[in-house]
N, C-alpha and C. Protein backbone atom coordinates (compact mmCIF):
# COMPACT_ATOMS: atom_id res chain seq x y z
N MET A 1 -65.60 -0.51 -222.31
CA MET A 1 -66.85 0.29 -222.20
C MET A 1 -65.77 1.57 -221.22
N LEU A 2 -65.50 1.31 -219.92
CA LEU A 2 -64.86 2.10 -219.37
C LEU A 2 -63.96 2.71 -220.40
N PHE A 3 -63.21 2.46 -220.74
CA PHE A 3 -62.24 3.32 -221.51
C PHE A 3 -62.64 3.92 -222.39
N LEU A 4 -64.03 3.53 -223.13
CA LEU A 4 -64.32 4.95 -223.35
C LEU A 4 -64.51 5.98 -222.96
N LEU A 5 -66.01 5.25 -221.39
CA LEU A 5 -65.73 6.74 -221.38
C LEU A 5 -65.28 7.73 -220.42
N ILE A 6 -64.45 7.00 -219.48
CA ILE A 6 -63.25 7.36 -219.40
C ILE A 6 -62.66 9.34 -220.04
N SER A 7 -62.34 8.02 -221.76
CA SER A 7 -62.21 9.06 -222.65
C SER A 7 -62.59 10.08 -223.24
N CYS A 8 -63.53 10.04 -222.91
CA CYS A 8 -65.31 10.66 -223.73
C CYS A 8 -64.96 11.84 -222.37
N PHE A 9 -65.28 11.07 -221.01
CA PHE A 9 -65.25 12.90 -220.24
C PHE A 9 -63.46 13.10 -219.93
N LEU A 10 -63.22 12.73 -220.44
CA LEU A 10 -61.19 13.73 -219.96
C LEU A 10 -61.05 14.85 -221.39
N MET A 11 -61.98 14.17 -222.38
CA MET A 11 -61.55 15.13 -223.19
C MET A 11 -62.90 16.26 -223.03
N ARG A 12 -64.01 15.73 -222.34
CA ARG A 12 -65.05 17.37 -221.71
C ARG A 12 -63.51 18.04 -220.69
N MET A 13 -63.57 17.36 -219.79
CA MET A 13 -62.48 18.47 -219.23
C MET A 13 -61.26 19.35 -219.89
N ALA A 14 -61.19 18.25 -220.32
CA ALA A 14 -60.09 19.31 -221.98
C ALA A 14 -61.07 20.60 -222.06
N TYR A 15 -62.00 20.29 -222.09
CA TYR A 15 -62.75 21.77 -223.77
C TYR A 15 -63.23 22.58 -222.51
N ALA A 16 -63.74 21.78 -221.20
CA ALA A 16 -63.63 22.49 -219.78
C ALA A 16 -62.56 23.69 -219.83
N SER A 17 -61.44 22.91 -219.19
CA SER A 17 -60.16 23.67 -218.54
C SER A 17 -59.81 25.18 -219.93
N ASP A 18 -59.90 24.89 -221.52
CA ASP A 18 -58.80 25.63 -221.86
C ASP A 18 -60.54 25.93 -222.39
N THR A 19 -61.25 26.53 -222.09
CA THR A 19 -62.63 27.49 -221.91
C THR A 19 -62.33 28.62 -221.03
N LEU A 20 -62.25 27.94 -219.74
CA LEU A 20 -61.65 28.75 -218.03
C LEU A 20 -60.03 29.53 -218.53
N SER A 21 -59.27 29.16 -218.88
CA SER A 21 -58.29 29.64 -219.06
C SER A 21 -58.08 30.76 -220.29
N ASN A 22 -58.91 30.24 -221.20
CA ASN A 22 -58.51 30.92 -222.22
C ASN A 22 -59.74 31.58 -222.51
N PRO A 23 -60.30 33.20 -222.23
CA PRO A 23 -61.42 33.55 -222.58
C PRO A 23 -61.95 34.00 -224.49
N LYS A 24 -60.41 33.21 -225.54
CA LYS A 24 -60.97 33.19 -226.76
C LYS A 24 -61.45 32.23 -227.20
N LYS A 25 -61.38 31.50 -226.69
CA LYS A 25 -62.41 30.35 -227.24
C LYS A 25 -61.52 29.23 -228.13
N GLU A 26 -59.86 29.46 -227.91
CA GLU A 26 -58.94 28.37 -228.50
C GLU A 26 -59.60 27.17 -228.53
N SER A 27 -59.24 26.17 -229.79
CA SER A 27 -59.36 24.77 -229.87
C SER A 27 -58.82 24.05 -228.53
N PRO A 28 -59.52 22.60 -228.54
CA PRO A 28 -59.35 22.23 -227.78
C PRO A 28 -57.83 21.49 -227.23
N GLY A 29 -56.98 21.90 -226.48
CA GLY A 29 -55.35 21.62 -226.29
C GLY A 29 -54.87 22.30 -226.24
N LYS A 30 -55.59 22.92 -227.27
CA LYS A 30 -54.09 24.21 -227.45
C LYS A 30 -52.99 24.37 -226.12
N ASN A 31 -53.38 24.95 -224.86
CA ASN A 31 -52.30 24.48 -224.08
C ASN A 31 -52.06 23.40 -223.59
N GLY A 32 -52.54 22.65 -224.78
CA GLY A 32 -52.15 21.09 -223.06
C GLY A 32 -53.10 20.15 -223.13
N ALA A 33 -52.72 18.92 -222.31
CA ALA A 33 -53.80 18.54 -222.07
C ALA A 33 -53.95 18.75 -220.44
N ILE A 34 -55.12 18.04 -219.83
CA ILE A 34 -55.54 18.63 -218.71
C ILE A 34 -55.68 16.93 -217.81
N HIS A 35 -54.77 18.05 -216.60
CA HIS A 35 -54.57 15.97 -215.35
C HIS A 35 -55.52 16.29 -214.76
N ILE A 36 -56.30 15.99 -214.06
CA ILE A 36 -56.64 15.71 -213.19
C ILE A 36 -56.65 14.57 -211.63
N THR A 37 -56.59 14.84 -210.79
CA THR A 37 -56.18 14.24 -209.78
C THR A 37 -57.20 14.37 -208.93
N SER A 38 -57.79 12.54 -208.00
CA SER A 38 -58.48 13.13 -207.02
C SER A 38 -58.79 11.82 -206.47
N ASP A 39 -58.86 12.01 -205.12
CA ASP A 39 -59.79 10.44 -203.99
C ASP A 39 -61.07 9.63 -204.67
N LYS A 40 -61.71 10.02 -205.33
CA LYS A 40 -63.08 10.07 -205.66
C LYS A 40 -63.41 10.39 -207.34
N LEU A 41 -64.23 10.28 -208.08
CA LEU A 41 -65.14 11.09 -208.67
C LEU A 41 -66.23 9.65 -208.96
N ILE A 42 -67.89 11.36 -209.35
CA ILE A 42 -68.52 10.36 -208.93
C ILE A 42 -68.90 10.99 -210.25
N SER A 43 -69.66 10.70 -211.83
CA SER A 43 -70.13 10.73 -213.12
C SER A 43 -71.97 10.04 -213.11
N GLU A 44 -72.41 11.59 -213.15
CA GLU A 44 -73.73 11.05 -213.20
C GLU A 44 -74.73 11.98 -214.45
N SER A 45 -74.49 10.76 -215.52
CA SER A 45 -74.61 11.34 -217.29
C SER A 45 -76.21 11.94 -216.54
N LYS A 46 -77.25 11.12 -216.01
CA LYS A 46 -78.26 11.73 -216.44
C LYS A 46 -78.50 12.85 -215.65
N ALA A 47 -77.54 13.43 -214.49
CA ALA A 47 -78.15 14.71 -214.30
C ALA A 47 -76.80 15.75 -214.41
N GLY A 48 -76.19 14.64 -215.06
CA GLY A 48 -75.48 16.14 -216.21
C GLY A 48 -74.43 16.62 -215.01
N TYR A 49 -73.54 16.01 -214.95
CA TYR A 49 -72.43 16.79 -213.86
C TYR A 49 -71.47 15.65 -213.71
N ALA A 50 -70.31 15.64 -213.40
CA ALA A 50 -69.43 15.08 -212.65
C ALA A 50 -68.70 15.62 -211.13
N GLU A 51 -68.05 15.19 -210.94
CA GLU A 51 -68.15 15.72 -209.42
C GLU A 51 -66.20 14.90 -209.20
N PHE A 52 -64.84 15.75 -208.70
CA PHE A 52 -63.50 15.64 -208.88
C PHE A 52 -63.46 14.98 -206.54
N ILE A 53 -63.60 14.90 -206.23
CA ILE A 53 -63.91 14.79 -204.86
C ILE A 53 -62.35 13.92 -203.37
N GLY A 54 -61.60 15.34 -203.57
CA GLY A 54 -60.89 15.13 -202.40
C GLY A 54 -59.58 14.52 -202.58
N HIS A 55 -58.55 16.40 -201.72
CA HIS A 55 -57.54 16.63 -203.07
C HIS A 55 -57.43 16.61 -204.06
N VAL A 56 -57.95 18.00 -204.77
CA VAL A 56 -58.19 17.00 -206.35
C VAL A 56 -57.45 18.80 -206.53
N LYS A 57 -57.03 17.96 -207.90
CA LYS A 57 -55.53 19.08 -208.50
C LYS A 57 -56.04 18.81 -209.89
N ALA A 58 -56.03 19.99 -210.80
CA ALA A 58 -56.39 20.49 -211.53
C ALA A 58 -54.80 20.69 -212.18
N THR A 59 -55.22 20.31 -213.72
CA THR A 59 -53.49 21.16 -213.62
C THR A 59 -53.30 20.90 -215.91
N GLN A 60 -54.02 22.01 -216.28
CA GLN A 60 -52.94 22.50 -217.91
C GLN A 60 -52.08 23.68 -218.48
N GLY A 61 -50.87 23.27 -218.61
CA GLY A 61 -50.25 24.46 -218.76
C GLY A 61 -49.76 24.50 -217.23
N ASP A 62 -50.10 26.62 -217.42
CA ASP A 62 -49.00 26.97 -216.76
C ASP A 62 -50.76 27.43 -215.34
N THR A 63 -52.03 26.62 -215.75
CA THR A 63 -52.77 26.63 -214.36
C THR A 63 -52.92 25.88 -213.41
N VAL A 64 -53.28 25.38 -212.77
CA VAL A 64 -53.24 25.22 -211.85
C VAL A 64 -54.32 24.59 -210.45
N ILE A 65 -55.56 24.04 -210.59
CA ILE A 65 -56.85 24.22 -209.39
C ILE A 65 -56.65 23.29 -208.57
N THR A 66 -56.38 23.77 -207.26
CA THR A 66 -56.72 22.78 -206.42
C THR A 66 -58.06 23.62 -205.54
N SER A 67 -58.26 21.90 -204.88
CA SER A 67 -60.19 22.29 -203.97
C SER A 67 -60.02 21.17 -203.28
N ASP A 68 -61.23 21.03 -202.07
CA ASP A 68 -61.18 19.76 -201.87
C ASP A 68 -61.98 19.38 -203.13
N ARG A 69 -62.77 19.85 -203.45
CA ARG A 69 -64.58 19.44 -205.39
C ARG A 69 -64.16 20.03 -206.16
N LEU A 70 -64.40 19.93 -207.23
CA LEU A 70 -64.95 20.21 -208.55
C LEU A 70 -66.32 19.54 -209.04
N LYS A 71 -66.65 20.61 -209.14
CA LYS A 71 -68.02 19.91 -209.85
C LYS A 71 -68.38 20.62 -211.43
N ILE A 72 -68.38 19.53 -212.13
CA ILE A 72 -68.10 20.18 -213.44
C ILE A 72 -70.10 19.80 -214.13
N PHE A 73 -70.74 21.32 -214.76
CA PHE A 73 -71.63 21.01 -214.93
C PHE A 73 -72.69 20.33 -216.72
N PHE A 74 -73.25 20.52 -217.39
CA PHE A 74 -72.35 19.87 -218.20
C PHE A 74 -73.92 20.11 -219.19
N LYS A 75 -73.99 20.50 -220.19
CA LYS A 75 -75.41 21.44 -221.17
C LYS A 75 -76.80 20.60 -221.08
N LYS A 76 -77.34 19.98 -221.14
CA LYS A 76 -78.65 19.01 -221.82
C LYS A 76 -78.61 18.96 -223.19
N ASN A 77 -78.94 18.04 -223.71
CA ASN A 77 -78.86 18.23 -225.58
C ASN A 77 -80.27 17.92 -225.26
N ILE A 78 -81.41 18.97 -225.70
CA ILE A 78 -82.21 18.90 -226.18
C ILE A 78 -82.96 18.24 -226.72
N ALA A 79 -82.96 17.50 -228.00
CA ALA A 79 -83.26 16.83 -228.16
C ALA A 79 -83.25 15.36 -227.64
N ASN A 80 -82.10 14.66 -226.73
CA ASN A 80 -83.20 13.75 -225.80
C ASN A 80 -82.68 13.65 -224.33
N LYS A 81 -82.02 14.74 -224.79
CA LYS A 81 -82.88 15.57 -222.30
C LYS A 81 -80.88 14.68 -222.08
N GLY A 82 -80.03 13.89 -222.84
CA GLY A 82 -79.13 13.59 -222.41
C GLY A 82 -77.51 14.72 -221.99
N PRO A 83 -76.74 14.19 -222.18
CA PRO A 83 -75.85 15.21 -221.94
C PRO A 83 -75.67 16.27 -223.13
N LEU A 84 -75.04 17.00 -224.81
CA LEU A 84 -73.85 17.00 -225.56
C LEU A 84 -72.62 16.34 -225.34
N SER A 85 -72.96 15.67 -227.25
CA SER A 85 -71.44 14.93 -227.35
C SER A 85 -70.36 15.47 -227.08
N VAL A 86 -69.28 15.40 -226.94
CA VAL A 86 -67.97 16.08 -226.29
C VAL A 86 -67.83 17.06 -227.90
N SER A 87 -67.42 17.09 -228.62
CA SER A 87 -67.32 17.67 -229.66
C SER A 87 -67.85 19.55 -230.28
N GLU A 88 -69.08 19.27 -229.03
CA GLU A 88 -69.84 20.16 -228.72
C GLU A 88 -69.30 20.84 -227.29
N GLU A 89 -69.98 22.52 -227.53
CA GLU A 89 -69.04 23.58 -226.61
C GLU A 89 -70.14 22.58 -225.15
N SER A 90 -69.52 21.23 -224.46
CA SER A 90 -71.16 21.03 -223.63
C SER A 90 -70.45 21.20 -221.70
N ILE A 91 -69.92 22.06 -221.77
CA ILE A 91 -69.85 22.38 -220.02
C ILE A 91 -70.47 23.95 -219.77
N HIS A 92 -70.81 23.58 -219.00
CA HIS A 92 -71.69 24.68 -218.40
C HIS A 92 -71.01 25.19 -217.04
N LYS A 93 -71.36 23.97 -216.14
CA LYS A 93 -70.82 25.52 -215.32
C LYS A 93 -69.68 24.63 -214.51
N ILE A 94 -67.73 25.58 -213.40
CA ILE A 94 -67.23 24.50 -213.20
C ILE A 94 -67.76 25.43 -212.36
N VAL A 95 -67.53 24.29 -211.34
CA VAL A 95 -67.81 24.68 -210.06
C VAL A 95 -66.41 24.21 -208.63
N ALA A 96 -65.91 24.37 -207.69
CA ALA A 96 -64.75 24.32 -206.84
C ALA A 96 -65.14 24.72 -206.15
N LYS A 97 -65.29 23.86 -204.38
CA LYS A 97 -65.00 23.71 -203.23
C LYS A 97 -64.38 23.52 -202.42
N GLY A 98 -64.46 24.59 -201.57
CA GLY A 98 -63.57 24.15 -200.13
C GLY A 98 -61.98 24.19 -200.87
N ASN A 99 -61.07 25.22 -200.16
CA ASN A 99 -59.80 25.53 -199.51
C ASN A 99 -58.79 25.83 -201.61
N VAL A 100 -59.62 26.61 -201.81
CA VAL A 100 -59.19 26.41 -203.51
C VAL A 100 -58.75 27.26 -204.11
N GLU A 101 -57.70 26.97 -205.26
CA GLU A 101 -56.37 27.95 -204.83
C GLU A 101 -56.71 28.19 -206.57
N ILE A 102 -56.22 29.24 -207.46
CA ILE A 102 -55.64 28.71 -208.62
C ILE A 102 -54.60 29.69 -208.87
N LYS A 103 -53.86 28.59 -209.90
CA LYS A 103 -52.35 29.96 -209.63
C LYS A 103 -53.04 29.96 -211.64
N PHE A 104 -52.48 31.29 -211.71
CA PHE A 104 -52.67 31.46 -213.28
C PHE A 104 -51.65 32.57 -213.41
N ASP A 105 -51.27 32.75 -214.50
CA ASP A 105 -50.29 34.25 -215.18
C ASP A 105 -50.02 35.12 -213.67
N ASN A 106 -49.14 34.35 -213.64
CA ASN A 106 -48.68 35.04 -212.96
C ASN A 106 -49.29 35.21 -211.94
N ARG A 107 -50.56 35.25 -211.60
CA ARG A 107 -51.47 34.82 -209.80
C ARG A 107 -51.94 34.08 -209.35
N VAL A 108 -51.52 34.24 -208.18
CA VAL A 108 -52.64 33.01 -207.31
C VAL A 108 -54.11 33.20 -206.51
N ALA A 109 -54.86 32.89 -206.70
CA ALA A 109 -56.15 33.11 -206.21
C ALA A 109 -57.03 31.79 -205.42
N THR A 110 -57.40 32.95 -204.01
CA THR A 110 -57.57 31.72 -203.18
C THR A 110 -58.96 32.00 -202.35
N ALA A 111 -59.79 30.87 -202.46
CA ALA A 111 -61.58 31.39 -202.26
C ALA A 111 -61.82 30.09 -201.91
N GLN A 112 -63.75 30.10 -200.75
CA GLN A 112 -63.18 29.30 -200.26
C GLN A 112 -64.65 28.49 -201.18
N GLU A 113 -64.72 28.37 -202.08
CA GLU A 113 -65.30 28.89 -203.06
C GLU A 113 -65.30 29.47 -205.00
N ALA A 114 -65.22 28.88 -205.96
CA ALA A 114 -65.03 29.76 -207.09
C ALA A 114 -65.45 29.24 -208.19
N VAL A 115 -66.59 29.62 -208.63
CA VAL A 115 -67.48 29.05 -210.14
C VAL A 115 -67.88 30.34 -211.43
N TYR A 116 -67.30 29.35 -212.37
CA TYR A 116 -67.26 29.81 -213.43
C TYR A 116 -68.06 28.84 -214.43
N ASN A 117 -68.56 30.28 -214.89
CA ASN A 117 -69.52 29.86 -215.79
C ASN A 117 -69.33 29.29 -217.70
N THR A 118 -69.34 29.46 -218.09
CA THR A 118 -68.77 29.62 -219.27
C THR A 118 -69.50 30.51 -220.71
N GLU A 119 -70.85 30.50 -219.69
CA GLU A 119 -71.52 30.70 -221.63
C GLU A 119 -71.54 32.44 -221.18
N THR A 120 -71.07 32.89 -220.24
CA THR A 120 -70.88 34.15 -219.69
C THR A 120 -69.89 34.96 -219.07
N MET A 121 -68.75 33.95 -220.13
CA MET A 121 -67.51 34.21 -218.94
C MET A 121 -67.18 34.48 -217.67
N VAL A 122 -67.67 34.07 -216.46
CA VAL A 122 -67.57 35.31 -215.03
C VAL A 122 -67.15 34.27 -215.12
N LEU A 123 -65.98 34.60 -214.27
CA LEU A 123 -66.17 33.80 -212.28
C LEU A 123 -65.93 34.46 -211.35
N VAL A 124 -66.11 33.94 -209.87
CA VAL A 124 -66.82 34.33 -208.91
C VAL A 124 -66.74 33.10 -207.78
N LEU A 125 -65.07 34.63 -207.29
CA LEU A 125 -64.46 33.71 -206.14
C LEU A 125 -65.34 34.25 -204.66
N SER A 126 -65.70 32.69 -204.09
CA SER A 126 -66.71 34.29 -202.75
C SER A 126 -65.06 32.95 -201.29
N GLY A 127 -66.18 33.97 -201.13
CA GLY A 127 -66.22 32.24 -199.11
C GLY A 127 -65.21 34.09 -198.62
N ASN A 128 -64.94 33.64 -197.04
CA ASN A 128 -63.91 34.92 -195.73
C ASN A 128 -62.54 35.51 -196.88
N ASN A 129 -61.68 36.33 -197.29
CA ASN A 129 -60.91 36.73 -197.13
C ASN A 129 -60.52 35.89 -198.49
N SER A 130 -61.60 35.84 -199.62
CA SER A 130 -61.23 36.04 -201.07
C SER A 130 -60.30 36.65 -201.56
N LYS A 131 -58.96 36.34 -202.13
CA LYS A 131 -57.78 36.40 -202.66
C LYS A 131 -57.40 36.86 -203.79
N VAL A 132 -56.94 37.70 -204.97
CA VAL A 132 -55.99 37.16 -205.68
C VAL A 132 -54.47 37.97 -205.94
N ILE A 133 -53.51 37.16 -205.98
CA ILE A 133 -52.95 37.96 -206.09
C ILE A 133 -51.73 38.52 -207.22
N GLY A 134 -50.87 39.24 -206.98
CA GLY A 134 -50.32 39.50 -208.45
C GLY A 134 -48.43 39.84 -208.34
N GLU A 135 -47.73 39.74 -209.01
CA GLU A 135 -46.59 39.45 -208.65
C GLU A 135 -46.36 41.01 -207.55
N ASN A 136 -47.05 41.96 -207.72
CA ASN A 136 -47.11 43.30 -206.52
C ASN A 136 -48.46 43.54 -206.25
N ASP A 137 -49.51 43.59 -206.42
CA ASP A 137 -50.30 43.53 -206.47
C ASP A 137 -50.91 43.02 -205.31
N SER A 138 -52.26 42.95 -204.88
CA SER A 138 -53.34 42.13 -204.27
C SER A 138 -54.73 42.72 -204.32
N ILE A 139 -56.21 42.29 -204.28
CA ILE A 139 -57.02 42.74 -203.85
C ILE A 139 -57.99 41.34 -203.12
N SER A 140 -58.44 41.70 -201.92
CA SER A 140 -59.88 40.72 -201.55
C SER A 140 -60.52 41.02 -201.39
N GLY A 141 -61.49 40.50 -200.07
CA GLY A 141 -62.83 41.00 -200.17
C GLY A 141 -63.62 39.52 -200.45
N GLU A 142 -64.61 39.70 -199.50
CA GLU A 142 -65.87 38.60 -199.15
C GLU A 142 -66.20 37.30 -200.77
N LYS A 143 -66.37 38.47 -202.29
CA LYS A 143 -66.66 38.11 -203.03
C LYS A 143 -66.10 38.48 -204.78
N ILE A 144 -65.29 38.38 -205.29
CA ILE A 144 -64.70 39.05 -206.01
C ILE A 144 -64.97 38.17 -207.83
N THR A 145 -65.13 38.94 -208.71
CA THR A 145 -65.99 38.13 -209.57
C THR A 145 -65.54 39.74 -211.16
N PHE A 146 -64.32 38.17 -212.20
CA PHE A 146 -64.51 38.74 -213.13
C PHE A 146 -64.69 38.46 -214.34
N TYR A 147 -64.74 39.32 -214.75
CA TYR A 147 -66.06 39.16 -215.65
C TYR A 147 -64.59 39.40 -217.40
N ARG A 148 -65.00 38.28 -217.67
CA ARG A 148 -63.63 37.17 -218.68
C ARG A 148 -63.50 38.18 -219.79
N ILE A 149 -64.42 38.85 -219.97
CA ILE A 149 -65.04 39.69 -221.61
C ILE A 149 -64.12 40.63 -221.83
N ASP A 150 -64.87 41.66 -220.87
CA ASP A 150 -64.23 42.69 -220.46
C ASP A 150 -62.97 43.09 -220.30
N GLY A 151 -63.07 42.02 -219.41
CA GLY A 151 -61.73 42.98 -218.29
C GLY A 151 -62.36 43.70 -216.73
N ARG A 152 -62.96 43.26 -216.66
CA ARG A 152 -64.19 44.25 -214.83
C ARG A 152 -63.15 43.01 -214.49
N ILE A 153 -63.53 43.45 -213.02
CA ILE A 153 -63.43 42.90 -211.11
C ILE A 153 -64.66 43.79 -211.07
N ASP A 154 -64.84 43.15 -209.97
CA ASP A 154 -65.80 43.45 -208.79
C ASP A 154 -65.54 42.62 -207.43
N VAL A 155 -65.46 43.35 -206.36
CA VAL A 155 -64.90 43.51 -205.59
C VAL A 155 -66.04 43.70 -203.95
N GLU A 156 -66.57 42.10 -203.76
CA GLU A 156 -67.68 43.01 -202.50
C GLU A 156 -67.10 43.42 -200.75
N SER A 157 -66.92 43.45 -199.52
CA SER A 157 -66.47 43.28 -198.21
C SER A 157 -68.12 41.92 -198.38
N GLY A 158 -67.49 41.70 -196.65
CA GLY A 158 -67.75 40.76 -196.26
C GLY A 158 -68.82 41.68 -195.06
N ASN A 159 -69.01 40.63 -194.53
CA ASN A 159 -69.78 41.44 -192.51
C ASN A 159 -68.85 41.28 -191.94
N ASN A 160 -67.64 41.36 -191.78
CA ASN A 160 -66.57 41.66 -190.67
C ASN A 160 -66.06 42.30 -191.22
N LYS A 161 -65.15 42.50 -192.42
CA LYS A 161 -64.18 42.87 -193.06
C LYS A 161 -64.24 44.19 -195.08
N ARG A 162 -64.04 44.80 -195.14
CA ARG A 162 -63.18 45.83 -195.89
C ARG A 162 -62.90 45.02 -197.20
N VAL A 163 -63.47 45.87 -198.22
CA VAL A 163 -62.41 45.14 -199.30
C VAL A 163 -61.85 45.73 -199.33
N GLU A 164 -59.81 44.79 -199.50
CA GLU A 164 -58.40 45.75 -199.37
C GLU A 164 -58.58 45.12 -200.26
N ALA A 165 -56.98 46.62 -200.79
CA ALA A 165 -56.84 46.44 -202.64
C ALA A 165 -55.37 46.98 -201.67
N VAL A 166 -53.78 46.35 -203.18
CA VAL A 166 -52.89 46.35 -202.39
C VAL A 166 -52.48 46.56 -203.84
N PHE A 167 -51.58 47.89 -204.50
CA PHE A 167 -51.50 48.47 -205.47
C PHE A 167 -49.72 49.19 -205.41
N TYR A 168 -48.33 48.64 -206.30
CA TYR A 168 -47.85 49.05 -206.31
C TYR A 168 -47.63 50.14 -207.32
N SER A 169 -46.83 51.56 -207.34
CA SER A 169 -46.78 52.29 -208.92
C SER A 169 -45.65 52.56 -208.77
N GLY A 170 -44.81 51.87 -208.71
CA GLY A 170 -43.36 51.82 -209.25
C GLY A 170 -42.90 53.53 -208.55
N GLN A 171 -42.00 53.60 -208.86
CA GLN A 171 -40.89 55.27 -207.84
C GLN A 171 -42.47 56.34 -207.98
N LYS A 172 -42.23 55.60 -209.58
CA LYS A 172 -43.84 57.53 -209.20
C LYS A 172 -45.20 58.08 -208.02
N GLY A 173 -45.10 56.84 -208.18
CA GLY A 173 -45.89 57.47 -206.29
C GLY A 173 -47.07 57.94 -207.06
N ILE A 174 -47.90 58.83 -205.42
CA ILE A 174 -49.52 59.41 -205.69
C ILE A 174 -48.51 60.57 -205.71
N LYS A 175 -48.78 61.44 -206.75
CA LYS A 175 -48.61 63.38 -207.61
C LYS A 175 -50.11 63.89 -207.82
């Protein structure tokens, strides 16, 4: 019974990671299996969430998320009020807290908190000095919002620090 529960949960996690890393919502597992390690796992099916606690590392393909905590919120099944079955789009939101680092697409994002909403496909990084570093470019601020559907990014400053962006234009410069 425990093996079946863990297998179902990991299948849900694979779908969640695929949704986060691929906005086109391709079939689950296209980028490979997800592997999550942590010191502790709490799964509350009635409350509709599962939480990994302590030295969390989630890996799928080239995407790696590390944090102190990673919490997955599941959509509710209206018929029986429990979580949706594994074959349905069951992930509502993913929240990573504490020393969050996300490595993806030759970029590294760091923040104190990262929240991804699977329905709106919006990723919000927040906390002092949230930052995204590309190969040569970087942006930082207290809150960085990625709108994955249209590729828009909003960066907001905090009380003590302004938004900062560094872009390299190659050899052309500003004319």
